[in-house]
Amino acid sequence: DNSDFWEAYAKASYAVTPALTFGG
């Protein structure tokens, strides 16, 4: 059988401070 698949992705983040980061 064959369950193989692929994904394209984009990841981004912003460091508000050196300790706090938000991303998507």
PDB file of all heavy atoms in Angstrom:
ATOM      1  N   ASP A   1       0.854  -1.189   0.000  1.00  0.00           N
ATOM      2  CA  ASP A   1       0.000   0.000   0.000  1.00  0.00           C
ATOM      3  C   ASP A   1       0.892   1.242   0.000  1.00  0.00           C
ATOM      4  O   ASP A   1       2.110   1.143   0.134  1.00  0.00           O
ATOM      5  CB  ASP A   1      -0.916  -0.011   1.221  1.00  0.00           C
ATOM      6  CG  ASP A   1      -2.117   0.892   1.037  1.00  0.00           C
ATOM      7  OD1 ASP A   1      -2.688   0.887  -0.071  1.00  0.00           O
ATOM      8  OD2 ASP A   1      -2.482   1.599   1.990  1.00  0.00           O
ATOM      9  N   ASN A   2       0.280   2.410  -0.139  1.00  0.00           N
ATOM     10  CA  ASN A   2       1.058   3.638  -0.246  1.00  0.00           C
ATOM     11  C   ASN A   2       0.317   4.799   0.403  1.00  0.00           C
ATOM     12  O   ASN A   2      -0.711   5.251  -0.105  1.00  0.00           O
ATOM     13  CB  ASN A   2       1.342   3.953  -1.720  1.00  0.00           C
ATOM     14  CG  ASN A   2       2.107   5.242  -1.907  1.00  0.00           C
ATOM     15  OD1 ASN A   2       2.757   5.721  -0.979  1.00  0.00           O
ATOM     16  ND2 ASN A   2       2.043   5.805  -3.103  1.00  0.00           N
ATOM     17  N   SER A   3       0.846   5.275   1.528  1.00  0.00           N
ATOM     18  CA  SER A   3       0.279   6.435   2.204  1.00  0.00           C
ATOM     19  C   SER A   3       1.178   7.657   2.087  1.00  0.00           C
ATOM     20  O   SER A   3       0.948   8.666   2.757  1.00  0.00           O
ATOM     21  CB  SER A   3       0.056   6.118   3.694  1.00  0.00           C
ATOM     22  OG  SER A   3      -0.857   5.067   3.871  1.00  0.00           O
ATOM     23  N   ASP A   4       2.209   7.575   1.251  1.00  0.00           N
ATOM     24  CA  ASP A   4       3.159   8.674   1.114  1.00  0.00           C
ATOM     25  C   ASP A   4       2.446   9.945   0.655  1.00  0.00           C
ATOM     26  O   ASP A   4       1.542   9.904  -0.188  1.00  0.00           O
ATOM     27  CB  ASP A   4       4.245   8.341   0.101  1.00  0.00           C
ATOM     28  CG  ASP A   4       5.018   7.077   0.459  1.00  0.00           C
ATOM     29  OD1 ASP A   4       4.816   6.558   1.575  1.00  0.00           O
ATOM     30  OD2 ASP A   4       5.815   6.622  -0.376  1.00  0.00           O
ATOM     31  N   PHE A   5       2.899  11.091   1.183  1.00  0.00           N
ATOM     32  CA  PHE A   5       2.371  12.368   0.721  1.00  0.00           C
ATOM     33  C   PHE A   5       3.395  13.456   1.013  1.00  0.00           C
ATOM     34  O   PHE A   5       4.401  13.218   1.689  1.00  0.00           O
ATOM     35  CB  PHE A   5       1.024  12.693   1.378  1.00  0.00           C
ATOM     36  CG  PHE A   5       1.098  13.113   2.823  1.00  0.00           C
ATOM     37  CD1 PHE A   5       0.909  14.443   3.195  1.00  0.00           C
ATOM     38  CD2 PHE A   5       1.335  12.181   3.835  1.00  0.00           C
ATOM     39  CE1 PHE A   5       0.969  14.844   4.521  1.00  0.00           C
ATOM     40  CE2 PHE A   5       1.390  12.569   5.169  1.00  0.00           C
ATOM     41  CZ  PHE A   5       1.200  13.896   5.521  1.00  0.00           C
ATOM     42  N   TRP A   6       3.159  14.665   0.475  1.00  0.00           N
ATOM     43  CA  TRP A   6       4.093  15.771   0.695  1.00  0.00           C
ATOM     44  C   TRP A   6       3.335  17.029   1.089  1.00  0.00           C
ATOM     45  O   TRP A   6       2.139  17.160   0.830  1.00  0.00           O
ATOM     46  CB  TRP A   6       4.947  16.033  -0.547  1.00  0.00           C
ATOM     47  CG  TRP A   6       4.180  16.508  -1.754  1.00  0.00           C
ATOM     48  CD1 TRP A   6       3.584  15.731  -2.702  1.00  0.00           C
ATOM     49  CD2 TRP A   6       3.905  17.865  -2.111  1.00  0.00           C
ATOM     50  NE1 TRP A   6       2.964  16.527  -3.643  1.00  0.00           N
ATOM     51  CE2 TRP A   6       3.149  17.831  -3.314  1.00  0.00           C
ATOM     52  CE3 TRP A   6       4.251  19.101  -1.564  1.00  0.00           C
ATOM     53  CZ2 TRP A   6       2.710  18.994  -3.950  1.00  0.00           C
ATOM     54  CZ3 TRP A   6       3.813  20.267  -2.199  1.00  0.00           C
ATOM     55  CH2 TRP A   6       3.062  20.197  -3.378  1.00  0.00           C
ATOM     56  N   GLU A   7       4.055  17.932   1.746  1.00  0.00           N
ATOM     57  CA  GLU A   7       3.504  19.223   2.133  1.00  0.00           C
ATOM     58  C   GLU A   7       4.498  20.333   1.789  1.00  0.00           C
ATOM     59  O   GLU A   7       5.709  20.154   1.937  1.00  0.00           O
ATOM     60  CB  GLU A   7       3.238  19.285   3.646  1.00  0.00           C
ATOM     61  CG  GLU A   7       2.050  18.478   4.117  1.00  0.00           C
ATOM     62  CD  GLU A   7       1.806  18.675   5.603  1.00  0.00           C
ATOM     63  OE1 GLU A   7       2.774  18.598   6.387  1.00  0.00           O
ATOM     64  OE2 GLU A   7       0.638  18.896   5.978  1.00  0.00           O
ATOM     65  N   ALA A   8       3.983  21.465   1.357  1.00  0.00           N
ATOM     66  CA  ALA A   8       4.768  22.689   1.242  1.00  0.00           C
ATOM     67  C   ALA A   8       4.462  23.525   2.481  1.00  0.00           C
ATOM     68  O   ALA A   8       3.330  23.501   2.988  1.00  0.00           O
ATOM     69  CB  ALA A   8       4.380  23.454  -0.020  1.00  0.00           C
ATOM     70  N   TYR A   9       5.466  24.239   2.982  1.00  0.00           N
ATOM     71  CA  TYR A   9       5.233  24.979   4.216  1.00  0.00           C
ATOM     72  C   TYR A   9       5.895  26.351   4.215  1.00  0.00           C
ATOM     73  O   TYR A   9       6.859  26.615   3.497  1.00  0.00           O
ATOM     74  CB  TYR A   9       5.718  24.184   5.431  1.00  0.00           C
ATOM     75  CG  TYR A   9       7.186  23.798   5.416  1.00  0.00           C
ATOM     76  CD1 TYR A   9       8.191  24.699   5.770  1.00  0.00           C
ATOM     77  CD2 TYR A   9       7.573  22.503   5.074  1.00  0.00           C
ATOM     78  CE1 TYR A   9       9.528  24.331   5.765  1.00  0.00           C
ATOM     79  CE2 TYR A   9       8.909  22.123   5.064  1.00  0.00           C
ATOM     80  CZ  TYR A   9       9.879  23.041   5.419  1.00  0.00           C
ATOM     81  OH  TYR A   9      11.207  22.679   5.410  1.00  0.00           O
ATOM     82  N   ALA A  10       5.337  27.220   5.057  1.00  0.00           N
ATOM     83  CA  ALA A  10       5.895  28.543   5.332  1.00  0.00           C
ATOM     84  C   ALA A  10       5.789  28.761   6.836  1.00  0.00           C
ATOM     85  O   ALA A  10       4.718  28.591   7.422  1.00  0.00           O
ATOM     86  CB  ALA A  10       5.129  29.627   4.579  1.00  0.00           C
ATOM     87  N   LYS A  11       6.917  29.106   7.448  1.00  0.00           N
ATOM     88  CA  LYS A  11       6.961  29.347   8.888  1.00  0.00           C
ATOM     89  C   LYS A  11       7.563  30.725   9.124  1.00  0.00           C
ATOM     90  O   LYS A  11       8.588  31.062   8.543  1.00  0.00           O
ATOM     91  CB  LYS A  11       7.812  28.295   9.598  1.00  0.00           C
ATOM     92  CG  LYS A  11       7.440  26.855   9.298  1.00  0.00           C
ATOM     93  CD  LYS A  11       8.430  25.897   9.944  1.00  0.00           C
ATOM     94  CE  LYS A  11       8.167  24.460   9.567  1.00  0.00           C
ATOM     95  NZ  LYS A  11       9.160  23.529  10.188  1.00  0.00           N
ATOM     96  N   ALA A  12       6.940  31.506   9.977  1.00  0.00           N
ATOM     97  CA  ALA A  12       7.436  32.840  10.271  1.00  0.00           C
ATOM     98  C   ALA A  12       7.329  33.099  11.771  1.00  0.00           C
ATOM     99  O   ALA A  12       6.465  32.527  12.451  1.00  0.00           O
ATOM    100  CB  ALA A  12       6.649  33.899   9.506  1.00  0.00           C
ATOM    101  N   SER A  13       8.223  33.933  12.285  1.00  0.00           N
ATOM    102  CA  SER A  13       8.157  34.290  13.698  1.00  0.00           C
ATOM    103  C   SER A  13       8.695  35.692  13.910  1.00  0.00           C
ATOM    104  O   SER A  13       9.448  36.225  13.080  1.00  0.00           O
ATOM    105  CB  SER A  13       8.936  33.290  14.557  1.00  0.00           C
ATOM    106  OG  SER A  13      10.321  33.334  14.250  1.00  0.00           O
ATOM    107  N   TYR A  14       8.302  36.291  15.039  1.00  0.00           N
ATOM    108  CA  TYR A  14       8.763  37.628  15.399  1.00  0.00           C
ATOM    109  C   TYR A  14       9.134  37.635  16.873  1.00  0.00           C
ATOM    110  O   TYR A  14       8.316  37.276  17.736  1.00  0.00           O
ATOM    111  CB  TYR A  14       7.677  38.664  15.120  1.00  0.00           C
ATOM    112  CG  TYR A  14       8.088  40.076  15.499  1.00  0.00           C
ATOM    113  CD1 TYR A  14       8.941  40.801  14.670  1.00  0.00           C
ATOM    114  CD2 TYR A  14       7.659  40.648  16.685  1.00  0.00           C
ATOM    115  CE1 TYR A  14       9.339  42.095  15.017  1.00  0.00           C
ATOM    116  CE2 TYR A  14       8.048  41.941  17.036  1.00  0.00           C
ATOM    117  CZ  TYR A  14       8.895  42.649  16.196  1.00  0.00           C
ATOM    118  OH  TYR A  14       9.299  43.911  16.541  1.00  0.00           O
ATOM    119  N   ALA A  15      10.380  38.014  17.159  1.00  0.00           N
ATOM    120  CA  ALA A  15      10.852  38.076  18.546  1.00  0.00           C
ATOM    121  C   ALA A  15      10.526  39.454  19.113  1.00  0.00           C
ATOM    122  O   ALA A  15      11.201  40.448  18.798  1.00  0.00           O
ATOM    123  CB  ALA A  15      12.348  37.807  18.601  1.00  0.00           C
ATOM    124  N   VAL A  16       9.493  39.515  19.936  1.00  0.00           N
ATOM    125  CA  VAL A  16       9.104  40.785  20.563  1.00  0.00           C
ATOM    126  C   VAL A  16      10.219  41.258  21.481  1.00  0.00           C
ATOM    127  O   VAL A  16      10.566  42.444  21.529  1.00  0.00           O
ATOM    128  CB  VAL A  16       7.790  40.603  21.342  1.00  0.00           C
ATOM    129  CG1 VAL A  16       7.377  41.915  21.991  1.00  0.00           C
ATOM    130  CG2 VAL A  16       6.692  40.092  20.428  1.00  0.00           C
ATOM    131  N   THR A  17      10.787  40.324  22.226  1.00  0.00           N
ATOM    132  CA  THR A  17      11.959  40.545  23.067  1.00  0.00           C
ATOM    133  C   THR A  17      12.859  39.322  22.882  1.00  0.00           C
ATOM    134  O   THR A  17      12.433  38.322  22.284  1.00  0.00           O
ATOM    135  CB  THR A  17      11.578  40.684  24.551  1.00  0.00           C
ATOM    136  OG1 THR A  17      11.155  39.405  25.053  1.00  0.00           O
ATOM    137  CG2 THR A  17      10.453  41.702  24.748  1.00  0.00           C
ATOM    138  N   PRO A  18      14.090  39.354  23.384  1.00  0.00           N
ATOM    139  CA  PRO A  18      14.935  38.158  23.269  1.00  0.00           C
ATOM    140  C   PRO A  18      14.315  36.928  23.923  1.00  0.00           C
ATOM    141  O   PRO A  18      14.670  35.798  23.587  1.00  0.00           O
ATOM    142  CB  PRO A  18      16.227  38.569  23.989  1.00  0.00           C
ATOM    143  CG  PRO A  18      16.284  40.059  23.800  1.00  0.00           C
ATOM    144  CD  PRO A  18      14.853  40.507  23.899  1.00  0.00           C
ATOM    145  N   ALA A  19      13.355  37.135  24.824  1.00  0.00           N
ATOM    146  CA  ALA A  19      12.756  36.009  25.541  1.00  0.00           C
ATOM    147  C   ALA A  19      11.376  35.615  25.025  1.00  0.00           C
ATOM    148  O   ALA A  19      10.930  34.485  25.250  1.00  0.00           O
ATOM    149  CB  ALA A  19      12.658  36.329  27.037  1.00  0.00           C
ATOM    150  N   LEU A  20      10.681  36.509  24.332  1.00  0.00           N
ATOM    151  CA  LEU A  20       9.301  36.256  23.914  1.00  0.00           C
ATOM    152  C   LEU A  20       9.177  36.293  22.398  1.00  0.00           C
ATOM    153  O   LEU A  20       9.518  37.295  21.762  1.00  0.00           O
ATOM    154  CB  LEU A  20       8.362  37.296  24.524  1.00  0.00           C
ATOM    155  CG  LEU A  20       6.882  37.168  24.179  1.00  0.00           C
ATOM    156  CD1 LEU A  20       6.319  35.845  24.696  1.00  0.00           C
ATOM    157  CD2 LEU A  20       6.095  38.348  24.759  1.00  0.00           C
ATOM    158  N   THR A  21       8.678  35.188  21.834  1.00  0.00           N
ATOM    159  CA  THR A  21       8.542  35.068  20.372  1.00  0.00           C
ATOM    160  C   THR A  21       7.154  34.564  20.006  1.00  0.00           C
ATOM    161  O   THR A  21       6.632  33.632  20.626  1.00  0.00           O
ATOM    162  CB  THR A  21       9.594  34.090  19.813  1.00  0.00           C
ATOM    163  OG1 THR A  21      10.899  34.566  20.131  1.00  0.00           O
ATOM    164  CG2 THR A  21       9.462  33.965  18.301  1.00  0.00           C
ATOM    165  N   PHE A  22       6.555  35.185  18.986  1.00  0.00           N
ATOM    166  CA  PHE A  22       5.288  34.736  18.429  1.00  0.00           C
ATOM    167  C   PHE A  22       5.529  34.283  16.990  1.00  0.00           C
ATOM    168  O   PHE A  22       6.390  34.840  16.296  1.00  0.00           O
ATOM    169  CB  PHE A  22       4.240  35.846  18.451  1.00  0.00           C
ATOM    170  CG  PHE A  22       3.811  36.249  19.831  1.00  0.00           C
ATOM    171  CD1 PHE A  22       4.290  37.428  20.407  1.00  0.00           C
ATOM    172  CD2 PHE A  22       2.951  35.451  20.555  1.00  0.00           C
ATOM    173  CE1 PHE A  22       3.899  37.792  21.682  1.00  0.00           C
ATOM    174  CE2 PHE A  22       2.550  35.809  21.837  1.00  0.00           C
ATOM    175  CZ  PHE A  22       3.036  36.978  22.409  1.00  0.00           C
ATOM    176  N   GLY A  23       4.770  33.272  16.547  1.00  0.00           N
ATOM    177  CA  GLY A  23       4.972  32.765  15.202  1.00  0.00           C
ATOM    178  C   GLY A  23       3.705  32.272  14.546  1.00  0.00           C
ATOM    179  O   GLY A  23       2.634  32.216  15.170  1.00  0.00           O
ATOM    180  N   GLY A  24       3.853  31.898  13.281  1.00  0.00           N
ATOM    181  CA  GLY A  24       2.735  31.343  12.538  1.00  0.00           C
ATOM    182  C   GLY A  24       3.238  30.359  11.497  1.00  0.00           C
ATOM    183  O   GLY A  24       4.352  30.515  10.966  1.00  0.00           O
TER     184      GLY A  24
END
